Amino acid sequence: MGKLKQLESFVSVVARGSLTAAAQAEGVAPAIMGRRLDALEERLGVKLLLRTTRRITLTHEGSAFLEDCQRILADVANAEASVSAGGVKASGHLRITAPAGFGRRHVAPLVPVFHSQHPEVTISLNLSDRVVDIAGEGFDCAVRVGDMPDSSLVSVRMADNRRLCVATPAYLARHGRPQTPADLARFDCLTLSSDASQTRGWAFLPSRQPGTQVQYLKPVGPLNCSDGQVLHDWCLAGYGIAWRSTWEVEAEIAAGLLVTVLDDYAAPPNGIYAVFPQRKHLPLRVRTWIDFLKAHYGNAAYWQSAGGVWPPA
């Protein structure tokens, strides 16, 4: 407790600009505040503050140490606030990031639901199609779709995600159905433009024999776009066949608005993951958020609901 009090005094003196102001805020004599700072500097073996009768200035070591102290004291405050007579509660600020398309459809609608269940947690949501440096940019958790590369990050698989070839019943009634991936050359394929991130093309499994390798095909068509949501809209409008993720089209498939083709050649699923930095003790707000996502994404009814939020509000 003595060490923690020293840290609190150090932060208070810096924030208030003087020993006297910090002492008055705590209701102790300035000499007591001074002794705490002396003891802290002696224990660390460095000078944290340059003190004169007129001003207090942080040393280089003190400036670096201040940031760590503020973080430690904030974590302690959050830990104390999380314990109440009713048990442990998630609290503090949660910073999360997700891909733009998936995030708009399947993360953003869940954020206010999570907050309503955990009102002491404030949330910042970042949507971006770039691969965010979670640890370097200070995020608590990322939602990512696809195969996870080896890294120092920890990932939790929350649901399977498969890519499917889909079209409207009306389009297939007019043009017929492809029987093999090679047949796609005769159909209107709605593809991502060359400047988009999907570089390898559409993935297919030529046969279901053990050891069969996934093969990639780059179909061509009269319409392409760099935005996957536009391809989804064009597909729903009956302009051709698109290769989309289950998270994007499962509700339309369940409603009969879209039909899958080439099911026998569908590649194995990848995953939808919660990713977070390696930590010995994961904050309760992060653990609670991950459990919340798993409860939704792990339920088939969620993906088949029209708005994506399950159960309906």
Protein backbone atom coordinates (compact mmCIF):
# COMPACT_ATOMS: atom_id res chain seq x y z
CA MET A 1 0.00 0.00 0.00
CA GLY A 2 2.97 2.34 0.74
CA LYS A 3 4.29 1.92 -2.78
CA LEU A 4 0.88 2.63 -4.28
CA LYS A 5 0.51 5.76 -2.13
CA GLN A 6 3.88 6.98 -3.39
CA LEU A 7 2.72 6.54 -7.00
CA GLU A 8 -0.53 8.37 -6.26
CA SER A 9 1.36 11.24 -4.65
CA PHE A 10 3.78 11.50 -7.58
CA VAL A 11 0.93 11.67 -10.11
CA SER A 12 -1.02 14.13 -7.95
CA VAL A 13 1.95 16.50 -7.57
CA VAL A 14 2.59 16.51 -11.32
CA ALA A 15 -1.10 17.04 -12.13
CA ARG A 16 -1.50 19.90 -9.65
CA GLY A 17 1.87 21.49 -10.23
CA SER A 18 3.01 21.75 -6.61
CA LEU A 19 3.47 19.85 -3.39
CA THR A 20 1.20 22.27 -1.57
CA ALA A 21 -1.74 21.86 -3.98
CA ALA A 22 -1.41 18.05 -3.97
CA ALA A 23 -1.19 18.02 -0.16
CA GLN A 24 -4.27 20.22 0.18
CA ALA A 25 -6.24 17.94 -2.15
CA GLU A 26 -5.42 14.97 0.06
CA GLY A 27 -5.72 16.80 3.34
CA VAL A 28 -2.16 16.23 4.54
CA ALA A 29 0.83 18.46 5.21
CA PRO A 30 3.14 19.33 2.28
CA ALA A 31 6.01 17.78 4.21
CA ILE A 32 4.28 14.39 4.11
CA MET A 33 3.88 14.66 0.36
CA GLY A 34 7.54 15.58 0.06
CA ARG A 35 8.66 12.58 2.12
CA ARG A 36 6.66 10.26 -0.11
CA LEU A 37 8.37 11.61 -3.21
CA ASP A 38 11.78 11.38 -1.58
CA ALA A 39 11.12 7.77 -0.61
CA LEU A 40 9.94 6.95 -4.14
CA GLU A 41 13.02 8.46 -5.77
CA GLU A 42 15.31 6.74 -3.28
CA ARG A 43 13.65 3.37 -3.90
CA LEU A 44 13.93 3.76 -7.69
CA GLY A 45 17.38 5.28 -7.62
CA VAL A 46 16.48 8.05 -10.08
CA LYS A 47 15.41 11.67 -9.89
CA LEU A 48 11.81 12.04 -11.05
CA LEU A 49 11.18 15.72 -10.28
CA LEU A 50 13.27 18.86 -10.18
CA ARG A 51 11.75 20.88 -7.33
CA THR A 52 12.28 24.57 -6.64
CA THR A 53 10.29 27.02 -4.56
CA ARG A 54 8.55 28.25 -7.72
CA ARG A 55 7.97 25.22 -9.90
CA ILE A 56 8.21 21.48 -10.33
CA THR A 57 9.66 20.00 -13.53
CA LEU A 58 9.67 16.38 -14.66
CA THR A 59 13.02 14.83 -15.50
CA HIS A 60 13.31 12.61 -18.57
CA GLU A 61 12.95 9.53 -16.34
CA GLY A 62 10.05 11.13 -14.51
CA SER A 63 8.18 11.82 -17.74
CA ALA A 64 8.48 8.21 -18.84
CA PHE A 65 7.56 6.93 -15.38
CA LEU A 66 4.49 9.19 -15.18
CA GLU A 67 2.75 7.46 -18.08
CA ASP A 68 3.24 4.03 -16.50
CA CYS A 69 1.99 5.31 -13.14
CA GLN A 70 -1.16 6.75 -14.68
CA ARG A 71 -1.89 3.45 -16.42
CA ILE A 72 -1.28 1.44 -13.23
CA LEU A 73 -3.50 3.69 -11.13
CA ALA A 74 -6.24 3.56 -13.78
CA ASP A 75 -6.10 -0.24 -13.79
CA VAL A 76 -6.32 -0.31 -10.00
CA ALA A 77 -9.29 2.07 -10.08
CA ASN A 78 -11.04 -0.06 -12.68
CA ALA A 79 -10.39 -3.21 -10.66
CA GLU A 80 -11.82 -1.66 -7.51
CA ALA A 81 -14.82 -0.24 -9.37
CA SER A 82 -15.56 -3.61 -10.95
CA VAL A 83 -16.28 -5.23 -7.58
CA SER A 84 -19.63 -4.44 -6.04
CA ALA A 85 -22.07 -6.05 -3.63
CA GLY A 86 -23.67 -7.83 -6.57
CA GLY A 87 -20.42 -9.35 -7.79
CA VAL A 88 -17.84 -8.51 -10.44
CA LYS A 89 -18.78 -6.05 -13.18
CA ALA A 90 -16.99 -5.17 -16.39
CA SER A 91 -15.92 -1.53 -16.50
CA GLY A 92 -13.47 0.84 -18.16
CA HIS A 93 -12.90 1.77 -21.80
CA LEU A 94 -12.91 -0.87 -24.55
CA ARG A 95 -11.20 -0.14 -27.89
CA ILE A 96 -12.12 -2.56 -30.66
CA THR A 97 -11.46 -2.73 -34.40
CA ALA A 98 -12.93 -4.76 -37.27
CA PRO A 99 -12.92 -4.91 -41.09
CA ALA A 100 -15.18 -2.24 -42.56
CA GLY A 101 -17.74 -4.46 -44.31
CA PHE A 102 -18.00 -7.11 -41.61
CA GLY A 103 -17.84 -4.47 -38.91
CA ARG A 104 -20.73 -2.44 -40.28
CA ARG A 105 -22.93 -5.51 -40.56
CA HIS A 106 -21.93 -7.70 -37.64
CA VAL A 107 -19.99 -5.67 -35.07
CA ALA A 108 -21.51 -2.19 -35.03
CA PRO A 109 -25.08 -3.44 -34.34
CA LEU A 110 -23.81 -5.47 -31.37
CA VAL A 111 -21.86 -2.65 -29.69
CA PRO A 112 -24.92 -0.83 -28.25
CA VAL A 113 -26.40 -4.17 -27.18
CA PHE A 114 -23.22 -4.99 -25.28
CA HIS A 115 -23.17 -1.52 -23.70
CA SER A 116 -26.78 -1.88 -22.55
CA GLN A 117 -25.78 -5.08 -20.73
CA HIS A 118 -22.57 -3.56 -19.35
CA PRO A 119 -23.27 0.16 -18.89
CA GLU A 120 -20.01 0.78 -17.03
CA VAL A 121 -18.01 -0.06 -20.17
CA THR A 122 -17.45 2.73 -22.70
CA ILE A 123 -16.60 1.61 -26.23
CA SER A 124 -14.69 2.96 -29.22
CA LEU A 125 -15.17 1.08 -32.52
CA ASN A 126 -12.73 1.46 -35.40
CA LEU A 127 -13.70 0.09 -38.83
CA SER A 128 -10.87 -0.29 -41.32
CA ASP A 129 -9.87 -2.69 -44.08
CA ARG A 130 -6.17 -2.28 -43.30
CA VAL A 131 -4.57 -4.72 -40.85
CA VAL A 132 -4.47 -2.66 -37.67
CA ASP A 133 -1.47 -2.98 -35.35
CA ILE A 134 -3.53 -3.83 -32.28
CA ALA A 135 -0.81 -3.55 -29.65
CA GLY A 136 0.99 -0.63 -31.28
CA GLU A 137 -2.19 1.41 -31.71
CA GLY A 138 -3.64 0.64 -28.30
CA PHE A 139 -6.60 -1.57 -29.22
CA ASP A 140 -7.95 -4.14 -26.77
CA CYS A 141 -9.43 -6.52 -29.36
CA ALA A 142 -9.88 -6.97 -33.10
CA VAL A 143 -12.44 -9.01 -35.00
CA ARG A 144 -10.86 -10.59 -38.07
CA VAL A 145 -12.15 -12.83 -40.85
CA GLY A 146 -9.98 -15.35 -42.67
CA ASP A 147 -6.94 -17.48 -42.00
CA MET A 148 -4.84 -16.23 -39.10
CA PRO A 149 -1.12 -15.73 -39.83
CA ASP A 150 1.40 -16.74 -37.19
CA SER A 151 1.98 -13.85 -34.81
CA SER A 152 2.42 -12.93 -31.18
CA LEU A 153 -1.29 -12.13 -30.99
CA VAL A 154 -3.80 -14.45 -29.33
CA SER A 155 -6.79 -15.50 -31.44
CA VAL A 156 -10.07 -17.10 -30.43
CA ARG A 157 -12.10 -18.75 -33.20
CA MET A 158 -15.73 -17.70 -32.75
CA ALA A 159 -17.38 -19.11 -35.86
CA ASP A 160 -16.67 -20.72 -39.22
CA ASN A 161 -16.79 -18.63 -42.36
CA ARG A 162 -17.16 -20.15 -45.80
CA ARG A 163 -17.10 -18.53 -49.22
CA LEU A 164 -19.98 -19.49 -51.49
CA CYS A 165 -20.99 -18.85 -55.08
CA VAL A 166 -24.47 -17.32 -55.02
CA ALA A 167 -27.01 -15.89 -57.43
CA THR A 168 -30.70 -15.05 -57.43
CA PRO A 169 -33.22 -17.72 -58.46
CA ALA A 170 -34.31 -15.45 -61.33
CA TYR A 171 -30.77 -15.19 -62.71
CA LEU A 172 -30.30 -18.96 -62.60
CA ALA A 173 -33.70 -19.49 -64.23
CA ARG A 174 -32.58 -17.32 -67.15
CA HIS A 175 -29.00 -18.58 -67.53
CA GLY A 176 -28.90 -22.06 -66.01
CA ARG A 177 -26.52 -23.32 -63.30
CA PRO A 178 -22.77 -23.91 -63.58
CA GLN A 179 -21.85 -27.52 -62.92
CA THR A 180 -18.09 -27.06 -62.43
CA PRO A 181 -15.92 -24.02 -61.65
CA ALA A 182 -14.75 -24.02 -65.28
CA ASP A 183 -18.35 -23.34 -66.35
CA LEU A 184 -18.17 -19.89 -64.71
CA ALA A 185 -16.55 -18.61 -67.92
CA ARG A 186 -20.01 -18.73 -69.51
CA PHE A 187 -21.71 -16.70 -66.76
CA ASP A 188 -21.78 -13.09 -65.57
CA CYS A 189 -19.37 -13.16 -62.64
CA LEU A 190 -19.38 -10.20 -60.29
CA THR A 191 -15.77 -9.78 -59.23
CA LEU A 192 -13.58 -7.56 -57.13
CA SER A 193 -11.52 -5.15 -59.21
CA SER A 194 -7.79 -5.71 -59.51
CA ASP A 195 -6.91 -3.03 -56.96
CA ALA A 196 -8.88 -4.80 -54.22
CA SER A 197 -7.26 -6.99 -51.58
CA GLN A 198 -8.56 -10.34 -52.88
CA THR A 199 -5.61 -11.24 -55.06
CA ARG A 200 -5.76 -15.04 -55.39
CA GLY A 201 -9.27 -15.25 -56.77
CA TRP A 202 -12.16 -17.57 -55.95
CA ALA A 203 -11.21 -20.72 -54.02
CA PHE A 204 -12.51 -24.18 -54.97
CA LEU A 205 -11.82 -27.73 -53.87
CA PRO A 206 -11.69 -29.85 -57.05
CA SER A 207 -12.60 -33.08 -55.23
CA ARG A 208 -13.36 -34.31 -51.76
CA GLN A 209 -10.47 -36.78 -51.73
CA PRO A 210 -8.04 -36.51 -48.78
CA GLY A 211 -5.05 -34.34 -49.56
CA THR A 212 -6.77 -32.39 -52.31
CA GLN A 213 -5.37 -28.88 -52.55
CA VAL A 214 -7.52 -25.77 -52.86
CA GLN A 215 -7.34 -24.25 -56.32
CA TYR A 216 -7.92 -20.61 -57.22
CA LEU A 217 -9.81 -19.26 -60.21
CA LYS A 218 -10.02 -15.67 -61.38
CA PRO A 219 -13.29 -15.44 -63.29
CA VAL A 220 -14.04 -12.45 -65.46
CA GLY A 221 -17.32 -10.69 -66.02
CA PRO A 222 -18.90 -7.50 -67.32
CA LEU A 223 -19.03 -5.86 -63.86
CA ASN A 224 -16.41 -5.50 -61.18
CA CYS A 225 -15.98 -3.24 -58.16
CA SER A 226 -13.48 -2.66 -55.36
CA ASP A 227 -16.29 -2.66 -52.77
CA GLY A 228 -17.67 -6.04 -51.71
CA GLN A 229 -20.97 -4.52 -50.56
CA VAL A 230 -21.61 -3.27 -54.09
CA LEU A 231 -21.02 -6.79 -55.46
CA HIS A 232 -23.48 -8.09 -52.89
CA ASP A 233 -26.09 -5.55 -53.98
CA TRP A 234 -25.53 -6.32 -57.66
CA CYS A 235 -25.95 -10.01 -56.96
CA LEU A 236 -29.23 -9.43 -55.12
CA ALA A 237 -30.38 -7.35 -58.07
CA GLY A 238 -29.87 -10.36 -60.36
CA TYR A 239 -26.86 -9.16 -62.36
CA GLY A 240 -24.79 -12.32 -61.99
CA ILE A 241 -22.96 -14.79 -59.76
CA ALA A 242 -20.88 -13.57 -56.82
CA TRP A 243 -18.45 -15.29 -54.47
CA ARG A 244 -19.37 -14.07 -51.02
CA SER A 245 -18.82 -14.98 -47.37
CA THR A 246 -21.50 -16.77 -45.41
CA TRP A 247 -21.60 -13.86 -42.94
CA GLU A 248 -22.72 -11.65 -45.80
CA VAL A 249 -25.32 -13.83 -47.54
CA GLU A 250 -26.60 -16.42 -45.07
CA ALA A 251 -29.71 -14.41 -44.18
CA GLU A 252 -30.58 -13.97 -47.89
CA ILE A 253 -30.03 -17.68 -48.51
CA ALA A 254 -32.32 -18.57 -45.60
CA ALA A 255 -34.95 -16.18 -46.99
CA GLY A 256 -34.69 -17.65 -50.52
CA LEU A 257 -33.41 -14.40 -52.03
CA LEU A 258 -30.13 -16.05 -53.04
CA VAL A 259 -29.27 -19.62 -54.03
CA THR A 260 -25.89 -21.31 -53.77
CA VAL A 261 -24.22 -23.00 -56.74
CA LEU A 262 -21.13 -25.23 -57.03
CA ASP A 263 -21.65 -26.47 -53.46
CA ASP A 264 -19.69 -29.66 -54.18
CA TYR A 265 -16.61 -27.55 -54.93
CA ALA A 266 -16.78 -25.18 -51.96
CA ALA A 267 -13.41 -24.71 -50.26
CA PRO A 268 -13.03 -25.56 -46.55
CA PRO A 269 -14.13 -22.80 -44.18
CA ASN A 270 -11.78 -20.36 -42.58
CA GLY A 271 -12.75 -18.56 -39.39
CA ILE A 272 -14.07 -15.47 -37.69
CA TYR A 273 -11.71 -14.60 -34.85
CA ALA A 274 -11.36 -12.34 -31.86
CA VAL A 275 -7.71 -11.27 -31.70
CA PHE A 276 -5.98 -9.55 -28.81
CA PRO A 277 -2.43 -8.89 -27.56
CA GLN A 278 -0.70 -11.48 -25.43
CA ARG A 279 -1.46 -10.63 -21.82
CA LYS A 280 -1.08 -12.50 -18.57
CA HIS A 281 -4.28 -11.03 -17.18
CA LEU A 282 -6.88 -10.06 -19.77
CA PRO A 283 -9.14 -7.23 -18.52
CA LEU A 284 -12.64 -8.33 -17.60
CA ARG A 285 -14.20 -5.97 -20.14
CA VAL A 286 -12.25 -7.69 -22.95
CA ARG A 287 -13.09 -11.21 -21.75
CA THR A 288 -16.74 -10.24 -21.45
CA TRP A 289 -16.78 -8.74 -24.96
CA ILE A 290 -15.24 -11.89 -26.47
CA ASP A 291 -17.74 -14.12 -24.64
CA PHE A 292 -20.55 -11.86 -25.86
CA LEU A 293 -19.42 -12.19 -29.49
CA LYS A 294 -19.03 -15.97 -29.18
CA ALA A 295 -22.59 -16.25 -27.83
CA HIS A 296 -23.93 -14.43 -30.91
CA TYR A 297 -21.62 -15.71 -33.64
CA GLY A 298 -21.79 -19.28 -32.37
CA ASN A 299 -25.59 -19.43 -32.80
CA ALA A 300 -26.90 -20.30 -36.26
CA ALA A 301 -30.03 -18.20 -35.65
CA TYR A 302 -27.86 -15.10 -35.47
CA TRP A 303 -26.55 -15.45 -39.03
CA GLN A 304 -29.99 -16.21 -40.42
CA SER A 305 -31.65 -13.18 -38.82
CA ALA A 306 -32.38 -10.34 -41.19
CA GLY A 307 -30.55 -7.63 -39.29
CA GLY A 308 -27.77 -9.76 -37.91
CA VAL A 309 -28.56 -9.08 -34.24
CA TRP A 310 -29.79 -12.13 -32.37
CA PRO A 311 -32.02 -12.34 -30.49
CA PRO A 312 -33.99 -9.43 -31.97
CA ALA A 313 -34.15 -6.31 -29.81
